[in-house]
Amino acid sequence: MAGSPQPPPFSSTFVVKKKIRFASTGANSVTIKASDLGDLWMTTPTAATGFQIANFVRVRKLELWTSPVAASTPVFASIEWAGTVLGLMGKSVIHTDTHMGADTPAHVVSRPPPGSQVAQWFAAQGTTPIVTLDSGGAAAGPCVLDLTIEFVVRDDGTAVAVSSAPAGATVGATYVRALDSSGASTFKVQGLATK
């Protein structure tokens, strides 16, 4: 059998890549911070306490669909990567789509610009704005967002509380929260246990 005469170096850190789907009931504009992403995946030592599972987070891709309600009024979907806030120097980048008609949603797919700060890893408890999601128009209906994200699972033995405490959680459970859980919780997670 092939092998190594000495134990080779290895990385013990867990890195998880996952696509998570969210839905919102209407027009909205939401700015997502690093802490919102860090708060997504949490565990609950008590019914009203939540702790982040991730230590670092990185957005890989966003895909947003906004459904129209009226055939004669335009709706839009827009993803803006932050660029001019502390620690994120450079221009912002906006990807947007507008659609008129009742048959096809506005649809935009976007990745963080290569080499930009928003394409890098962020501390899960950081307050740096990363991206603004804008979906709407006068006739905007529900929208769906797919987030592809990477988490570095916390391995330092510390407990970092989520920004907004859960209510009525099962002790010891694991949940995935709304994308903007520290704010209005407009983008609700789909298909996973949530609080």
C-alpha atoms as a PDB file:
ATOM      1  CA  MET A   1       0.000   0.000   0.000  1.00  0.00           C
ATOM      2  CA  ALA A   2       1.221   3.490  -0.841  1.00  0.00           C
ATOM      3  CA  GLY A   3       1.497   5.980   1.971  1.00  0.00           C
ATOM      4  CA  SER A   4       3.704   8.525   3.672  1.00  0.00           C
ATOM      5  CA  PRO A   5       6.498   7.564   6.075  1.00  0.00           C
ATOM      6  CA  GLN A   6       5.612  10.658   8.131  1.00  0.00           C
ATOM      7  CA  PRO A   7       2.227  12.317   8.739  1.00  0.00           C
ATOM      8  CA  PRO A   8       1.997  15.092   6.110  1.00  0.00           C
ATOM      9  CA  PRO A   9       0.671  18.606   6.843  1.00  0.00           C
ATOM     10  CA  PHE A  10      -3.084  19.023   6.465  1.00  0.00           C
ATOM     11  CA  SER A  11      -5.786  21.620   7.090  1.00  0.00           C
ATOM     12  CA  SER A  12      -8.155  20.687   9.908  1.00  0.00           C
ATOM     13  CA  THR A  13     -10.550  23.569   9.231  1.00  0.00           C
ATOM     14  CA  PHE A  14     -14.018  22.739   7.876  1.00  0.00           C
ATOM     15  CA  VAL A  15     -14.993  24.819   4.826  1.00  0.00           C
ATOM     16  CA  VAL A  16     -18.578  24.399   3.646  1.00  0.00           C
ATOM     17  CA  LYS A  17     -19.896  25.645   0.281  1.00  0.00           C
ATOM     18  CA  LYS A  18     -23.685  25.820   0.023  1.00  0.00           C
ATOM     19  CA  LYS A  19     -26.438  27.261  -2.155  1.00  0.00           C
ATOM     20  CA  ILE A  20     -29.276  28.652  -0.020  1.00  0.00           C
ATOM     21  CA  ARG A  21     -32.615  29.856  -1.409  1.00  0.00           C
ATOM     22  CA  PHE A  22     -34.551  32.811  -0.015  1.00  0.00           C
ATOM     23  CA  ALA A  23     -37.923  34.343  -0.932  1.00  0.00           C
ATOM     24  CA  SER A  24     -39.475  37.734  -0.337  1.00  0.00           C
ATOM     25  CA  THR A  25     -43.113  38.732  -0.774  1.00  0.00           C
ATOM     26  CA  GLY A  26     -42.638  42.025  -2.614  1.00  0.00           C
ATOM     27  CA  ALA A  27     -40.513  45.003  -3.557  1.00  0.00           C
ATOM     28  CA  ASN A  28     -37.564  45.727  -1.267  1.00  0.00           C
ATOM     29  CA  SER A  29     -34.076  47.123  -0.994  1.00  0.00           C
ATOM     30  CA  VAL A  30     -31.787  45.395   1.504  1.00  0.00           C
ATOM     31  CA  THR A  31     -28.106  45.937   2.314  1.00  0.00           C
ATOM     32  CA  ILE A  32     -26.379  42.763   3.507  1.00  0.00           C
ATOM     33  CA  LYS A  33     -23.470  43.008   5.949  1.00  0.00           C
ATOM     34  CA  ALA A  34     -20.841  40.408   6.821  1.00  0.00           C
ATOM     35  CA  SER A  35     -22.643  39.788  10.139  1.00  0.00           C
ATOM     36  CA  ASP A  36     -25.893  39.004   8.277  1.00  0.00           C
ATOM     37  CA  LEU A  37     -24.013  36.260   6.441  1.00  0.00           C
ATOM     38  CA  GLY A  38     -22.351  35.098   9.666  1.00  0.00           C
ATOM     39  CA  ASP A  39     -25.737  34.952  11.400  1.00  0.00           C
ATOM     40  CA  LEU A  40     -27.246  32.758   8.665  1.00  0.00           C
ATOM     41  CA  TRP A  41     -26.099  29.464  10.177  1.00  0.00           C
ATOM     42  CA  MET A  42     -26.529  29.305  13.939  1.00  0.00           C
ATOM     43  CA  THR A  43     -26.909  26.973  16.875  1.00  0.00           C
ATOM     44  CA  THR A  44     -29.073  27.645  19.935  1.00  0.00           C
ATOM     45  CA  PRO A  45     -27.818  26.834  23.455  1.00  0.00           C
ATOM     46  CA  THR A  46     -31.069  28.299  24.861  1.00  0.00           C
ATOM     47  CA  ALA A  47     -34.501  29.094  23.410  1.00  0.00           C
ATOM     48  CA  ALA A  48     -33.593  32.793  23.105  1.00  0.00           C
ATOM     49  CA  THR A  49     -29.846  32.656  22.386  1.00  0.00           C
ATOM     50  CA  GLY A  50     -28.126  31.982  19.076  1.00  0.00           C
ATOM     51  CA  PHE A  51     -24.450  31.607  18.222  1.00  0.00           C
ATOM     52  CA  GLN A  52     -22.757  31.781  14.828  1.00  0.00           C
ATOM     53  CA  ILE A  53     -21.357  28.517  13.520  1.00  0.00           C
ATOM     54  CA  ALA A  54     -19.090  30.205  10.965  1.00  0.00           C
ATOM     55  CA  ASN A  55     -15.938  32.166  11.722  1.00  0.00           C
ATOM     56  CA  PHE A  56     -15.493  33.563   8.178  1.00  0.00           C
ATOM     57  CA  VAL A  57     -17.820  33.875   5.178  1.00  0.00           C
ATOM     58  CA  ARG A  58     -17.417  34.523   1.462  1.00  0.00           C
ATOM     59  CA  VAL A  59     -20.105  35.123  -1.181  1.00  0.00           C
ATOM     60  CA  ARG A  60     -19.525  33.190  -4.395  1.00  0.00           C
ATOM     61  CA  LYS A  61     -22.647  34.043  -6.436  1.00  0.00           C
ATOM     62  CA  LEU A  62     -26.091  35.657  -6.215  1.00  0.00           C
ATOM     63  CA  GLU A  63     -29.053  35.031  -8.537  1.00  0.00           C
ATOM     64  CA  LEU A  64     -32.218  37.127  -8.172  1.00  0.00           C
ATOM     65  CA  TRP A  65     -35.630  36.769  -9.855  1.00  0.00           C
ATOM     66  CA  THR A  66     -38.423  39.347  -9.433  1.00  0.00           C
ATOM     67  CA  SER A  67     -41.872  38.427 -10.702  1.00  0.00           C
ATOM     68  CA  PRO A  68     -44.150  41.001 -12.306  1.00  0.00           C
ATOM     69  CA  VAL A  69     -47.805  41.458 -11.412  1.00  0.00           C
ATOM     70  CA  ALA A  70     -49.008  43.842 -14.158  1.00  0.00           C
ATOM     71  CA  ALA A  71     -48.172  43.413 -17.836  1.00  0.00           C
ATOM     72  CA  SER A  72     -47.705  47.125 -18.529  1.00  0.00           C
ATOM     73  CA  THR A  73     -45.450  48.148 -15.626  1.00  0.00           C
ATOM     74  CA  PRO A  74     -41.708  47.436 -15.475  1.00  0.00           C
ATOM     75  CA  VAL A  75     -40.090  45.525 -12.620  1.00  0.00           C
ATOM     76  CA  PHE A  76     -36.396  45.216 -11.927  1.00  0.00           C
ATOM     77  CA  ALA A  77     -33.823  43.102 -10.132  1.00  0.00           C
ATOM     78  CA  SER A  78     -30.510  44.656  -9.083  1.00  0.00           C
ATOM     79  CA  ILE A  79     -27.397  43.475  -7.241  1.00  0.00           C
ATOM     80  CA  GLU A  80     -24.870  46.123  -6.164  1.00  0.00           C
ATOM     81  CA  TRP A  81     -21.509  45.082  -4.747  1.00  0.00           C
ATOM     82  CA  ALA A  82     -20.245  47.635  -2.200  1.00  0.00           C
ATOM     83  CA  GLY A  83     -17.208  49.683  -3.076  1.00  0.00           C
ATOM     84  CA  THR A  84     -16.944  53.014  -1.265  1.00  0.00           C
ATOM     85  CA  VAL A  85     -17.194  52.187   2.429  1.00  0.00           C
ATOM     86  CA  LEU A  86     -14.386  51.886   4.958  1.00  0.00           C
ATOM     87  CA  GLY A  87     -12.208  48.924   4.004  1.00  0.00           C
ATOM     88  CA  LEU A  88     -13.784  48.557   0.571  1.00  0.00           C
ATOM     89  CA  MET A  89     -12.043  51.091  -1.624  1.00  0.00           C
ATOM     90  CA  GLY A  90     -12.906  51.351  -5.280  1.00  0.00           C
ATOM     91  CA  LYS A  91     -16.077  51.705  -7.306  1.00  0.00           C
ATOM     92  CA  SER A  92     -19.260  49.819  -6.637  1.00  0.00           C
ATOM     93  CA  VAL A  93     -20.459  47.390  -9.290  1.00  0.00           C
ATOM     94  CA  ILE A  94     -24.162  47.099 -10.156  1.00  0.00           C
ATOM     95  CA  HIS A  95     -25.763  44.323 -12.206  1.00  0.00           C
ATOM     96  CA  THR A  96     -29.425  44.921 -13.050  1.00  0.00           C
ATOM     97  CA  ASP A  97     -32.256  43.675 -15.247  1.00  0.00           C
ATOM     98  CA  THR A  98     -35.615  45.287 -16.040  1.00  0.00           C
ATOM     99  CA  HIS A  99     -38.575  43.500 -17.553  1.00  0.00           C
ATOM    100  CA  MET A 100     -41.987  44.584 -18.832  1.00  0.00           C
ATOM    101  CA  GLY A 101     -44.733  42.022 -19.245  1.00  0.00           C
ATOM    102  CA  ALA A 102     -46.420  39.363 -17.157  1.00  0.00           C
ATOM    103  CA  ASP A 103     -44.702  36.331 -18.654  1.00  0.00           C
ATOM    104  CA  THR A 104     -41.029  36.593 -17.616  1.00  0.00           C
ATOM    105  CA  PRO A 105     -39.393  37.757 -14.374  1.00  0.00           C
ATOM    106  CA  ALA A 106     -36.594  40.267 -14.145  1.00  0.00           C
ATOM    107  CA  HIS A 107     -33.509  38.122 -13.595  1.00  0.00           C
ATOM    108  CA  VAL A 108     -29.911  38.909 -12.705  1.00  0.00           C
ATOM    109  CA  VAL A 109     -26.902  36.678 -11.909  1.00  0.00           C
ATOM    110  CA  SER A 110     -23.830  38.222 -10.316  1.00  0.00           C
ATOM    111  CA  ARG A 111     -20.526  37.256  -8.748  1.00  0.00           C
ATOM    112  CA  PRO A 112     -18.323  39.571  -6.681  1.00  0.00           C
ATOM    113  CA  PRO A 113     -15.927  41.369  -9.035  1.00  0.00           C
ATOM    114  CA  PRO A 114     -12.631  39.395  -9.290  1.00  0.00           C
ATOM    115  CA  GLY A 115      -9.867  40.914  -7.191  1.00  0.00           C
ATOM    116  CA  SER A 116     -12.273  43.179  -5.286  1.00  0.00           C
ATOM    117  CA  GLN A 117     -12.535  43.329  -1.505  1.00  0.00           C
ATOM    118  CA  VAL A 118     -16.102  41.959  -1.615  1.00  0.00           C
ATOM    119  CA  ALA A 119     -14.775  38.790  -3.285  1.00  0.00           C
ATOM    120  CA  GLN A 120     -12.586  38.054  -0.231  1.00  0.00           C
ATOM    121  CA  TRP A 121     -13.294  36.342   3.105  1.00  0.00           C
ATOM    122  CA  PHE A 122     -15.006  38.391   5.824  1.00  0.00           C
ATOM    123  CA  ALA A 123     -15.083  37.867   9.589  1.00  0.00           C
ATOM    124  CA  ALA A 124     -18.553  36.510  10.349  1.00  0.00           C
ATOM    125  CA  GLN A 125     -19.230  39.151  13.000  1.00  0.00           C
ATOM    126  CA  GLY A 126     -18.098  42.118  10.876  1.00  0.00           C
ATOM    127  CA  THR A 127     -20.402  45.035  10.096  1.00  0.00           C
ATOM    128  CA  THR A 128     -18.970  45.855   6.657  1.00  0.00           C
ATOM    129  CA  PRO A 129     -21.677  46.203   3.965  1.00  0.00           C
ATOM    130  CA  ILE A 130     -21.054  43.690   1.182  1.00  0.00           C
ATOM    131  CA  VAL A 131     -24.001  43.847  -1.227  1.00  0.00           C
ATOM    132  CA  THR A 132     -27.317  45.634  -1.739  1.00  0.00           C
ATOM    133  CA  LEU A 133     -30.225  43.692  -3.223  1.00  0.00           C
ATOM    134  CA  ASP A 134     -32.947  45.731  -4.878  1.00  0.00           C
ATOM    135  CA  SER A 135     -36.064  44.192  -6.353  1.00  0.00           C
ATOM    136  CA  GLY A 136     -39.175  46.014  -7.265  1.00  0.00           C
ATOM    137  CA  GLY A 137     -40.913  48.632  -9.225  1.00  0.00           C
ATOM    138  CA  ALA A 138     -44.506  49.774  -8.995  1.00  0.00           C
ATOM    139  CA  ALA A 139     -45.851  46.335  -9.902  1.00  0.00           C
ATOM    140  CA  ALA A 140     -43.302  44.088  -8.199  1.00  0.00           C
ATOM    141  CA  GLY A 141     -44.470  40.753  -6.898  1.00  0.00           C
ATOM    142  CA  PRO A 142     -42.586  38.091  -4.955  1.00  0.00           C
ATOM    143  CA  CYS A 143     -38.886  37.548  -5.571  1.00  0.00           C
ATOM    144  CA  VAL A 144     -36.525  34.606  -5.143  1.00  0.00           C
ATOM    145  CA  LEU A 145     -32.808  34.794  -4.362  1.00  0.00           C
ATOM    146  CA  ASP A 146     -30.210  32.022  -4.572  1.00  0.00           C
ATOM    147  CA  LEU A 147     -27.075  32.693  -2.527  1.00  0.00           C
ATOM    148  CA  THR A 148     -23.985  30.547  -3.043  1.00  0.00           C
ATOM    149  CA  ILE A 149     -21.779  31.032   0.005  1.00  0.00           C
ATOM    150  CA  GLU A 150     -18.752  29.501   1.699  1.00  0.00           C
ATOM    151  CA  PHE A 151     -18.478  29.178   5.465  1.00  0.00           C
ATOM    152  CA  VAL A 152     -15.337  28.498   7.496  1.00  0.00           C
ATOM    153  CA  VAL A 153     -16.657  26.614  10.519  1.00  0.00           C
ATOM    154  CA  ARG A 154     -15.579  28.156  13.816  1.00  0.00           C
ATOM    155  CA  ASP A 155     -12.701  26.149  15.271  1.00  0.00           C
ATOM    156  CA  ASP A 156     -11.342  28.541  17.905  1.00  0.00           C
ATOM    157  CA  GLY A 157     -13.591  27.466  20.798  1.00  0.00           C
ATOM    158  CA  THR A 158     -15.254  30.875  21.142  1.00  0.00           C
ATOM    159  CA  ALA A 159     -18.971  31.632  21.068  1.00  0.00           C
ATOM    160  CA  VAL A 160     -20.106  34.658  19.043  1.00  0.00           C
ATOM    161  CA  ALA A 161     -23.749  35.647  19.485  1.00  0.00           C
ATOM    162  CA  VAL A 162     -25.916  36.413  16.460  1.00  0.00           C
ATOM    163  CA  SER A 163     -26.912  40.066  15.978  1.00  0.00           C
ATOM    164  CA  SER A 164     -30.603  39.467  16.640  1.00  0.00           C
ATOM    165  CA  ALA A 165     -31.541  36.815  19.203  1.00  0.00           C
ATOM    166  CA  PRO A 166     -33.973  34.082  18.136  1.00  0.00           C
ATOM    167  CA  ALA A 167     -37.255  33.460  19.929  1.00  0.00           C
ATOM    168  CA  GLY A 168     -38.710  30.062  20.783  1.00  0.00           C
ATOM    169  CA  ALA A 169     -35.771  28.058  19.443  1.00  0.00           C
ATOM    170  CA  THR A 170     -35.240  24.413  20.341  1.00  0.00           C
ATOM    171  CA  VAL A 171     -32.259  24.096  22.680  1.00  0.00           C
ATOM    172  CA  GLY A 172     -29.269  22.623  20.844  1.00  0.00           C
ATOM    173  CA  ALA A 173     -30.853  22.942  17.389  1.00  0.00           C
ATOM    174  CA  THR A 174     -29.217  24.302  14.244  1.00  0.00           C
ATOM    175  CA  TYR A 175     -31.054  26.872  12.117  1.00  0.00           C
ATOM    176  CA  VAL A 176     -30.578  28.906   8.951  1.00  0.00           C
ATOM    177  CA  ARG A 177     -31.985  32.406   9.354  1.00  0.00           C
ATOM    178  CA  ALA A 178     -33.413  35.089   7.072  1.00  0.00           C
ATOM    179  CA  LEU A 179     -30.717  36.693   4.938  1.00  0.00           C
ATOM    180  CA  ASP A 180     -31.328  40.064   6.616  1.00  0.00           C
ATOM    181  CA  SER A 181     -32.135  38.700  10.094  1.00  0.00           C
ATOM    182  CA  SER A 182     -30.587  41.714  11.842  1.00  0.00           C
ATOM    183  CA  GLY A 183     -33.077  43.955  10.010  1.00  0.00           C
ATOM    184  CA  ALA A 184     -36.586  43.384   8.660  1.00  0.00           C
ATOM    185  CA  SER A 185     -36.057  39.683   7.745  1.00  0.00           C
ATOM    186  CA  THR A 186     -37.581  40.225   4.300  1.00  0.00           C
ATOM    187  CA  PHE A 187     -35.609  37.438   2.584  1.00  0.00           C
ATOM    188  CA  LYS A 188     -36.876  34.244   4.304  1.00  0.00           C
ATOM    189  CA  VAL A 189     -34.920  31.016   3.914  1.00  0.00           C
ATOM    190  CA  GLN A 190     -36.667  28.222   1.979  1.00  0.00           C
ATOM    191  CA  GLY A 191     -36.627  24.511   2.789  1.00  0.00           C
ATOM    192  CA  LEU A 192     -34.576  24.673   6.010  1.00  0.00           C
ATOM    193  CA  ALA A 193     -35.408  24.973   9.710  1.00  0.00           C
ATOM    194  CA  THR A 194     -35.359  28.652  10.655  1.00  0.00           C
ATOM    195  CA  LYS A 195     -35.828  31.038  13.597  1.00  0.00           C
END
